[in-house]
Amino acid sequence: MILASATATLAVLLGSLVGWIDLQTTLRGRKLLDYASLIPLGLPGIVVAVALIQFWLRVRLPIYATLFDSQQSSVFG
């Protein structure tokens, strides 16, 4: 519950910051930031999920005591 609340708060703060930068400033690249913030609306959730799975399978991080770690250790010895 704490993680969900923190994530929602962070999303609102980040979205508000992007909106404020886009509408209230004249910074270069503000429209690019605006378009980049709309990417999640244009991609179906399954596409993002598959991309994240592929990314985390390629990046080797020392993740211990997880399902990924137990599957990896049973496969690779």
Protein backbone atom coordinates (compact mmCIF):
# COMPACT_ATOMS: atom_id res chain seq x y z
CA MET A 1 0.00 0.00 0.00
CA ILE A 2 2.88 2.34 0.77
CA LEU A 3 4.51 1.62 -2.57
CA ALA A 4 1.25 2.27 -4.44
CA SER A 5 0.72 5.56 -2.63
CA ALA A 6 4.29 6.68 -3.22
CA THR A 7 4.11 5.74 -6.90
CA ALA A 8 0.82 7.56 -7.43
CA THR A 9 2.16 10.65 -5.66
CA LEU A 10 5.32 10.61 -7.76
CA ALA A 11 3.30 10.21 -10.96
CA VAL A 12 1.10 13.19 -10.09
CA LEU A 13 4.09 15.36 -9.20
CA LEU A 14 5.96 14.41 -12.36
CA GLY A 15 2.90 14.95 -14.54
CA SER A 16 2.25 18.33 -12.93
CA LEU A 17 5.86 19.36 -13.50
CA VAL A 18 5.74 18.35 -17.18
CA GLY A 19 2.43 20.17 -17.64
CA TRP A 20 3.74 23.30 -15.95
CA ILE A 21 6.94 23.28 -18.04
CA ASP A 22 4.94 22.81 -21.23
CA LEU A 23 2.38 25.53 -20.58
CA GLN A 24 4.18 28.13 -18.49
CA THR A 25 7.75 28.24 -19.81
CA THR A 26 9.48 28.90 -23.10
CA LEU A 27 12.25 26.34 -22.66
CA ARG A 28 13.67 24.64 -25.71
CA GLY A 29 12.50 21.07 -26.03
CA ARG A 30 9.35 21.54 -23.98
CA LYS A 31 7.17 20.20 -26.79
CA LEU A 32 9.41 17.14 -27.07
CA LEU A 33 8.86 16.58 -23.34
CA ASP A 34 5.13 16.95 -23.91
CA TYR A 35 5.13 14.41 -26.75
CA ALA A 36 7.31 11.99 -24.76
CA SER A 37 4.82 12.13 -21.88
CA LEU A 38 2.05 10.97 -24.24
CA ILE A 39 3.87 7.80 -25.36
CA PRO A 40 2.24 5.57 -22.71
CA LEU A 41 -1.19 6.53 -24.02
CA GLY A 42 -0.30 5.41 -27.54
CA LEU A 43 1.21 2.06 -26.61
CA PRO A 44 -0.91 -0.81 -25.36
CA GLY A 45 0.03 -2.10 -21.93
CA ILE A 46 1.07 -5.50 -23.28
CA VAL A 47 3.68 -3.93 -25.55
CA VAL A 48 5.20 -2.05 -22.64
CA ALA A 49 5.12 -5.20 -20.48
CA VAL A 50 6.93 -7.28 -23.10
CA ALA A 51 9.53 -4.54 -23.59
CA LEU A 52 10.17 -4.35 -19.84
CA ILE A 53 10.48 -8.13 -19.56
CA GLN A 54 12.96 -8.21 -22.44
CA PHE A 55 14.94 -5.36 -20.89
CA TRP A 56 15.21 -6.97 -17.46
CA LEU A 57 16.15 -10.33 -18.97
CA ARG A 58 19.08 -8.70 -20.78
CA VAL A 59 20.30 -6.50 -17.92
CA ARG A 60 22.20 -8.51 -15.33
CA LEU A 61 21.60 -7.05 -11.89
CA PRO A 62 22.38 -8.80 -8.64
CA ILE A 63 18.78 -9.53 -7.70
CA TYR A 64 18.51 -12.05 -4.89
CA ALA A 65 15.60 -13.86 -3.26
CA THR A 66 13.26 -13.32 -6.18
CA LEU A 67 11.38 -15.60 -8.52
CA PHE A 68 13.80 -14.65 -11.29
CA ASP A 69 16.77 -15.67 -9.12
CA SER A 70 15.27 -19.02 -8.15
CA GLN A 71 14.42 -19.85 -11.78
CA GLN A 72 17.89 -18.85 -12.92
CA SER A 73 19.65 -20.88 -10.27
CA SER A 74 17.59 -23.98 -11.04
CA VAL A 75 18.33 -23.69 -14.74
CA PHE A 76 22.01 -22.76 -14.55
CA GLY A 77 23.04 -24.98 -11.70
